[in-house]
Amino acid sequence: MIFYMQFNAANIPGVIEVTNVKQEQLYYLIRTQPHWKTSYNLLGISQDVIGQIKQISSSNWPNFKITIGSQTITNVYHVSNSRHQLMIAPSLHWIIKGNLFENNYIVHNFHHKLIMTVDNIYFKNGHEGYLLNIEDTAEPKIGILLAAVLNQTSRNTKNKRSIERLKGQQMKVSLKRNIDMHFNKR
């Protein structure tokens, strides 16, 4: 099954639209309070809450809990926090591997059976999003909520990289300005 998750610019105000191949709206992911912890509710078209992700740790690489209805499905734990990310969802026996900078992920079970793939894409309107290819044996709602966890992890990394890049550009500009001013004084 193919699903598309479309993010708006900078993920503000915290609404992610989920559509099918025909671009029909199926679900919405809505960010919930408080903002210091990342949580999203998965809503159906009729605005009923179907499931949620909830941040359960407050580290740089937080762990999350996925629930459907009132039932906890699994926690998602970061095992490796490098460019090549590794996470596990132990209750489901899933392993999530991917490239954190490119936002491409593969999810498989402990027997190496493919569960889903998550690929970073850009829509015609310029917004970023994910293409989810979820196997028929997996529950789509769980896959969508897991993709929301991956999005949040990559957003944190993108924000940190953007700040570092901005700082680097400011230093280059100020150094260039100082050099030009130094040469012009002679």
C-alpha atoms as a PDB file:
ATOM      1  CA  MET A   1       0.000   0.000   0.000  1.00  0.00           C
ATOM      2  CA  ILE A   2       1.294   3.421  -0.930  1.00  0.00           C
ATOM      3  CA  PHE A   3       0.717   6.487   1.251  1.00  0.00           C
ATOM      4  CA  TYR A   4       1.996  10.054   1.017  1.00  0.00           C
ATOM      5  CA  MET A   5       2.749  12.246   4.018  1.00  0.00           C
ATOM      6  CA  GLN A   6       2.919  15.929   3.082  1.00  0.00           C
ATOM      7  CA  PHE A   7       4.573  18.328   5.512  1.00  0.00           C
ATOM      8  CA  ASN A   8       3.934  22.042   5.365  1.00  0.00           C
ATOM      9  CA  ALA A   9       6.768  24.553   5.502  1.00  0.00           C
ATOM     10  CA  ALA A  10       8.892  23.972   8.619  1.00  0.00           C
ATOM     11  CA  ASN A  11       6.189  21.643   9.963  1.00  0.00           C
ATOM     12  CA  ILE A  12       4.226  24.619  11.309  1.00  0.00           C
ATOM     13  CA  PRO A  13       1.526  24.667  12.663  1.00  0.00           C
ATOM     14  CA  GLY A  14       2.066  20.936  13.137  1.00  0.00           C
ATOM     15  CA  VAL A  15      -0.313  19.427  10.614  1.00  0.00           C
ATOM     16  CA  ILE A  16       0.787  16.562   8.368  1.00  0.00           C
ATOM     17  CA  GLU A  17      -1.624  15.361   5.703  1.00  0.00           C
ATOM     18  CA  VAL A  18      -1.698  11.652   4.761  1.00  0.00           C
ATOM     19  CA  THR A  19      -3.127  10.684   1.361  1.00  0.00           C
ATOM     20  CA  ASN A  20      -3.337   7.599  -0.825  1.00  0.00           C
ATOM     21  CA  VAL A  21      -2.118   7.137  -4.412  1.00  0.00           C
ATOM     22  CA  LYS A  22      -5.176   9.001  -5.754  1.00  0.00           C
ATOM     23  CA  GLN A  23      -4.286  11.945  -3.467  1.00  0.00           C
ATOM     24  CA  GLU A  24      -7.432  11.365  -1.403  1.00  0.00           C
ATOM     25  CA  GLN A  25      -7.069  12.552   2.178  1.00  0.00           C
ATOM     26  CA  LEU A  26      -7.131   9.637   4.617  1.00  0.00           C
ATOM     27  CA  TYR A  27      -5.553  10.876   7.850  1.00  0.00           C
ATOM     28  CA  TYR A  28      -4.079  13.905   9.551  1.00  0.00           C
ATOM     29  CA  LEU A  29      -1.254  14.017  12.059  1.00  0.00           C
ATOM     30  CA  ILE A  30      -1.785  16.938  14.443  1.00  0.00           C
ATOM     31  CA  ARG A  31       0.882  18.061  16.892  1.00  0.00           C
ATOM     32  CA  THR A  32      -0.370  18.234  20.475  1.00  0.00           C
ATOM     33  CA  GLN A  33       0.675  20.182  23.570  1.00  0.00           C
ATOM     34  CA  PRO A  34       3.057  20.582  25.333  1.00  0.00           C
ATOM     35  CA  HIS A  35       5.559  21.717  22.695  1.00  0.00           C
ATOM     36  CA  TRP A  36       8.658  20.701  24.677  1.00  0.00           C
ATOM     37  CA  LYS A  37       7.627  17.075  24.138  1.00  0.00           C
ATOM     38  CA  THR A  38       6.770  15.922  20.662  1.00  0.00           C
ATOM     39  CA  SER A  39       3.419  14.220  20.371  1.00  0.00           C
ATOM     40  CA  TYR A  40       1.125  13.756  17.399  1.00  0.00           C
ATOM     41  CA  ASN A  41      -2.440  12.488  17.218  1.00  0.00           C
ATOM     42  CA  LEU A  42      -3.466  10.495  14.153  1.00  0.00           C
ATOM     43  CA  LEU A  43      -6.926  11.676  13.131  1.00  0.00           C
ATOM     44  CA  GLY A  44      -9.283  10.177  10.599  1.00  0.00           C
ATOM     45  CA  ILE A  45     -11.217  12.261   8.085  1.00  0.00           C
ATOM     46  CA  SER A  46     -14.052  12.568  10.623  1.00  0.00           C
ATOM     47  CA  GLN A  47     -11.538  14.105  13.098  1.00  0.00           C
ATOM     48  CA  ASP A  48     -11.689  11.122  15.472  1.00  0.00           C
ATOM     49  CA  VAL A  49      -8.422  10.235  17.228  1.00  0.00           C
ATOM     50  CA  ILE A  50      -7.181   6.873  15.952  1.00  0.00           C
ATOM     51  CA  GLY A  51      -3.702   6.733  17.480  1.00  0.00           C
ATOM     52  CA  GLN A  52      -0.747   8.787  18.622  1.00  0.00           C
ATOM     53  CA  ILE A  53       2.988   9.033  19.078  1.00  0.00           C
ATOM     54  CA  LYS A  54       4.236  10.404  22.344  1.00  0.00           C
ATOM     55  CA  GLN A  55       7.788  11.348  23.309  1.00  0.00           C
ATOM     56  CA  ILE A  56       8.805   9.322  26.385  1.00  0.00           C
ATOM     57  CA  SER A  57      12.344  10.608  26.969  1.00  0.00           C
ATOM     58  CA  SER A  58      13.881  14.062  26.893  1.00  0.00           C
ATOM     59  CA  SER A  59      17.295  13.426  25.363  1.00  0.00           C
ATOM     60  CA  ASN A  60      18.685  14.761  22.085  1.00  0.00           C
ATOM     61  CA  TRP A  61      17.520  11.491  20.522  1.00  0.00           C
ATOM     62  CA  PRO A  62      14.173  10.912  22.249  1.00  0.00           C
ATOM     63  CA  ASN A  63      12.303   7.640  22.352  1.00  0.00           C
ATOM     64  CA  PHE A  64       8.624   7.433  21.473  1.00  0.00           C
ATOM     65  CA  LYS A  65       5.551   5.388  22.333  1.00  0.00           C
ATOM     66  CA  ILE A  66       3.049   4.411  19.621  1.00  0.00           C
ATOM     67  CA  THR A  67      -0.556   3.796  20.632  1.00  0.00           C
ATOM     68  CA  ILE A  68      -3.645   2.875  18.638  1.00  0.00           C
ATOM     69  CA  GLY A  69      -6.828   3.727  20.494  1.00  0.00           C
ATOM     70  CA  SER A  70      -6.023   3.124  24.154  1.00  0.00           C
ATOM     71  CA  GLN A  71      -3.630   0.231  23.459  1.00  0.00           C
ATOM     72  CA  THR A  72       0.141   0.753  23.521  1.00  0.00           C
ATOM     73  CA  ILE A  73       1.516  -0.949  20.410  1.00  0.00           C
ATOM     74  CA  THR A  74       5.249  -0.427  20.931  1.00  0.00           C
ATOM     75  CA  ASN A  75       7.969   1.928  22.041  1.00  0.00           C
ATOM     76  CA  VAL A  76      10.542   3.093  19.499  1.00  0.00           C
ATOM     77  CA  TYR A  77      14.110   3.282  20.808  1.00  0.00           C
ATOM     78  CA  HIS A  78      17.169   4.863  19.219  1.00  0.00           C
ATOM     79  CA  VAL A  79      20.059   2.385  19.214  1.00  0.00           C
ATOM     80  CA  SER A  80      22.524   4.265  17.013  1.00  0.00           C
ATOM     81  CA  ASN A  81      22.458   8.024  16.622  1.00  0.00           C
ATOM     82  CA  SER A  82      24.859   8.548  13.767  1.00  0.00           C
ATOM     83  CA  ARG A  83      24.224   9.411  10.146  1.00  0.00           C
ATOM     84  CA  HIS A  84      23.183   5.797   9.588  1.00  0.00           C
ATOM     85  CA  GLN A  85      20.389   5.572  12.087  1.00  0.00           C
ATOM     86  CA  LEU A  86      19.224   2.400  13.801  1.00  0.00           C
ATOM     87  CA  MET A  87      16.053   2.138  15.875  1.00  0.00           C
ATOM     88  CA  ILE A  88      14.020  -0.742  17.186  1.00  0.00           C
ATOM     89  CA  ALA A  89      10.343  -1.303  17.946  1.00  0.00           C
ATOM     90  CA  PRO A  90      10.699  -4.349  20.231  1.00  0.00           C
ATOM     91  CA  SER A  91       7.011  -5.219  20.746  1.00  0.00           C
ATOM     92  CA  LEU A  92       6.557  -5.485  16.971  1.00  0.00           C
ATOM     93  CA  HIS A  93       9.993  -7.093  16.440  1.00  0.00           C
ATOM     94  CA  TRP A  94      10.822  -4.353  13.926  1.00  0.00           C
ATOM     95  CA  ILE A  95      14.209  -2.861  13.071  1.00  0.00           C
ATOM     96  CA  ILE A  96      14.330   0.597  11.480  1.00  0.00           C
ATOM     97  CA  LYS A  97      17.470   1.468   9.502  1.00  0.00           C
ATOM     98  CA  GLY A  98      18.089   4.538   7.451  1.00  0.00           C
ATOM     99  CA  ASN A  99      20.102   7.524   6.426  1.00  0.00           C
ATOM    100  CA  LEU A 100      19.208  10.361   8.762  1.00  0.00           C
ATOM    101  CA  PHE A 101      20.386  13.112   6.383  1.00  0.00           C
ATOM    102  CA  GLU A 102      18.679  11.738   3.279  1.00  0.00           C
ATOM    103  CA  ASN A 103      15.538  10.658   5.191  1.00  0.00           C
ATOM    104  CA  ASN A 104      15.280   7.238   3.568  1.00  0.00           C
ATOM    105  CA  TYR A 105      14.406   4.327   5.832  1.00  0.00           C
ATOM    106  CA  ILE A 106      13.789   0.581   5.636  1.00  0.00           C
ATOM    107  CA  VAL A 107      11.738  -1.233   8.253  1.00  0.00           C
ATOM    108  CA  HIS A 108      11.975  -4.992   8.547  1.00  0.00           C
ATOM    109  CA  ASN A 109      11.333  -7.585  11.200  1.00  0.00           C
ATOM    110  CA  PHE A 110      13.948  -9.662  13.020  1.00  0.00           C
ATOM    111  CA  HIS A 111      13.701 -12.281  10.239  1.00  0.00           C
ATOM    112  CA  HIS A 112      14.628  -9.622   7.624  1.00  0.00           C
ATOM    113  CA  LYS A 113      11.142  -9.612   6.086  1.00  0.00           C
ATOM    114  CA  LEU A 114      10.443  -6.160   4.645  1.00  0.00           C
ATOM    115  CA  ILE A 115       7.653  -4.315   6.485  1.00  0.00           C
ATOM    116  CA  MET A 116       7.839  -0.865   4.902  1.00  0.00           C
ATOM    117  CA  THR A 117      10.039   1.699   3.203  1.00  0.00           C
ATOM    118  CA  VAL A 118      10.031   5.443   3.811  1.00  0.00           C
ATOM    119  CA  ASP A 119      11.451   7.736   1.131  1.00  0.00           C
ATOM    120  CA  ASN A 120      11.869  11.502   1.241  1.00  0.00           C
ATOM    121  CA  ILE A 121      10.067  13.247  -1.642  1.00  0.00           C
ATOM    122  CA  TYR A 122       9.090  16.748  -2.771  1.00  0.00           C
ATOM    123  CA  PHE A 123       5.590  17.505  -3.990  1.00  0.00           C
ATOM    124  CA  LYS A 124       4.696  19.739  -6.936  1.00  0.00           C
ATOM    125  CA  ASN A 125       3.725  22.526  -4.533  1.00  0.00           C
ATOM    126  CA  GLY A 126       7.286  22.532  -3.143  1.00  0.00           C
ATOM    127  CA  HIS A 127       6.453  20.926   0.193  1.00  0.00           C
ATOM    128  CA  GLU A 128       8.520  18.083   1.513  1.00  0.00           C
ATOM    129  CA  GLY A 129       7.067  14.728   2.471  1.00  0.00           C
ATOM    130  CA  TYR A 130       7.418  10.982   2.654  1.00  0.00           C
ATOM    131  CA  LEU A 131       6.375   8.215   0.314  1.00  0.00           C
ATOM    132  CA  LEU A 132       5.407   5.223   2.463  1.00  0.00           C
ATOM    133  CA  ASN A 133       5.303   1.778   0.899  1.00  0.00           C
ATOM    134  CA  ILE A 134       3.716  -0.447   3.551  1.00  0.00           C
ATOM    135  CA  GLU A 135       3.432  -4.198   3.023  1.00  0.00           C
ATOM    136  CA  ASP A 136      -0.083  -5.651   3.087  1.00  0.00           C
ATOM    137  CA  THR A 137       0.759  -7.694   6.207  1.00  0.00           C
ATOM    138  CA  ALA A 138       1.472  -4.548   8.266  1.00  0.00           C
ATOM    139  CA  GLU A 139      -1.091  -2.229   9.841  1.00  0.00           C
ATOM    140  CA  PRO A 140      -0.993   1.079   7.890  1.00  0.00           C
ATOM    141  CA  LYS A 141      -1.837   3.197  10.959  1.00  0.00           C
ATOM    142  CA  ILE A 142       1.223   1.869  12.796  1.00  0.00           C
ATOM    143  CA  GLY A 143       3.389   2.539   9.731  1.00  0.00           C
ATOM    144  CA  ILE A 144       2.091   6.102   9.477  1.00  0.00           C
ATOM    145  CA  LEU A 145       2.760   6.749  13.169  1.00  0.00           C
ATOM    146  CA  LEU A 146       6.255   5.262  12.840  1.00  0.00           C
ATOM    147  CA  ALA A 147       6.903   7.581   9.880  1.00  0.00           C
ATOM    148  CA  ALA A 148       5.857  10.499  12.118  1.00  0.00           C
ATOM    149  CA  VAL A 149       8.556   9.400  14.590  1.00  0.00           C
ATOM    150  CA  LEU A 150      11.116   9.295  11.756  1.00  0.00           C
ATOM    151  CA  ASN A 151       9.992  12.725  10.569  1.00  0.00           C
ATOM    152  CA  GLN A 152      10.432  14.184  14.028  1.00  0.00           C
ATOM    153  CA  THR A 153      13.910  12.695  14.378  1.00  0.00           C
ATOM    154  CA  SER A 154      14.987  14.015  10.980  1.00  0.00           C
ATOM    155  CA  ARG A 155      13.426  17.451  11.670  1.00  0.00           C
ATOM    156  CA  ASN A 156      15.528  17.808  14.814  1.00  0.00           C
ATOM    157  CA  THR A 157      18.641  16.930  12.812  1.00  0.00           C
ATOM    158  CA  LYS A 158      17.715  19.277   9.953  1.00  0.00           C
ATOM    159  CA  ASN A 159      17.123  22.138  12.382  1.00  0.00           C
ATOM    160  CA  LYS A 160      20.513  21.570  14.054  1.00  0.00           C
ATOM    161  CA  ARG A 161      22.283  21.336  10.678  1.00  0.00           C
ATOM    162  CA  SER A 162      20.516  24.500   9.450  1.00  0.00           C
ATOM    163  CA  ILE A 163      21.628  26.418  12.536  1.00  0.00           C
ATOM    164  CA  GLU A 164      25.221  25.187  12.129  1.00  0.00           C
ATOM    165  CA  ARG A 165      25.154  26.065   8.432  1.00  0.00           C
ATOM    166  CA  LEU A 166      23.770  29.523   9.235  1.00  0.00           C
ATOM    167  CA  LYS A 167      26.472  30.097  11.843  1.00  0.00           C
ATOM    168  CA  GLY A 168      29.095  29.023   9.310  1.00  0.00           C
ATOM    169  CA  GLN A 169      27.736  31.442   6.705  1.00  0.00           C
ATOM    170  CA  GLN A 170      27.716  34.311   9.186  1.00  0.00           C
ATOM    171  CA  MET A 171      31.349  33.631  10.041  1.00  0.00           C
ATOM    172  CA  LYS A 172      32.305  33.538   6.349  1.00  0.00           C
ATOM    173  CA  VAL A 173      30.497  36.821   5.716  1.00  0.00           C
ATOM    174  CA  SER A 174      32.083  38.562   8.668  1.00  0.00           C
ATOM    175  CA  LEU A 175      35.555  37.222   7.785  1.00  0.00           C
ATOM    176  CA  LYS A 176      35.179  38.348   4.182  1.00  0.00           C
ATOM    177  CA  ARG A 177      33.977  41.767   5.298  1.00  0.00           C
ATOM    178  CA  ASN A 178      36.939  42.120   7.667  1.00  0.00           C
ATOM    179  CA  ILE A 179      39.409  41.099   4.970  1.00  0.00           C
ATOM    180  CA  ASP A 180      37.883  43.518   2.438  1.00  0.00           C
ATOM    181  CA  MET A 181      37.910  46.341   4.961  1.00  0.00           C
ATOM    182  CA  HIS A 182      41.508  45.573   5.888  1.00  0.00           C
ATOM    183  CA  PHE A 183      42.642  45.690   2.240  1.00  0.00           C
ATOM    184  CA  ASN A 184      40.668  48.875   1.497  1.00  0.00           C
ATOM    185  CA  LYS A 185      42.388  50.751   4.317  1.00  0.00           C
ATOM    186  CA  ARG A 186      45.805  50.358   2.672  1.00  0.00           C
END
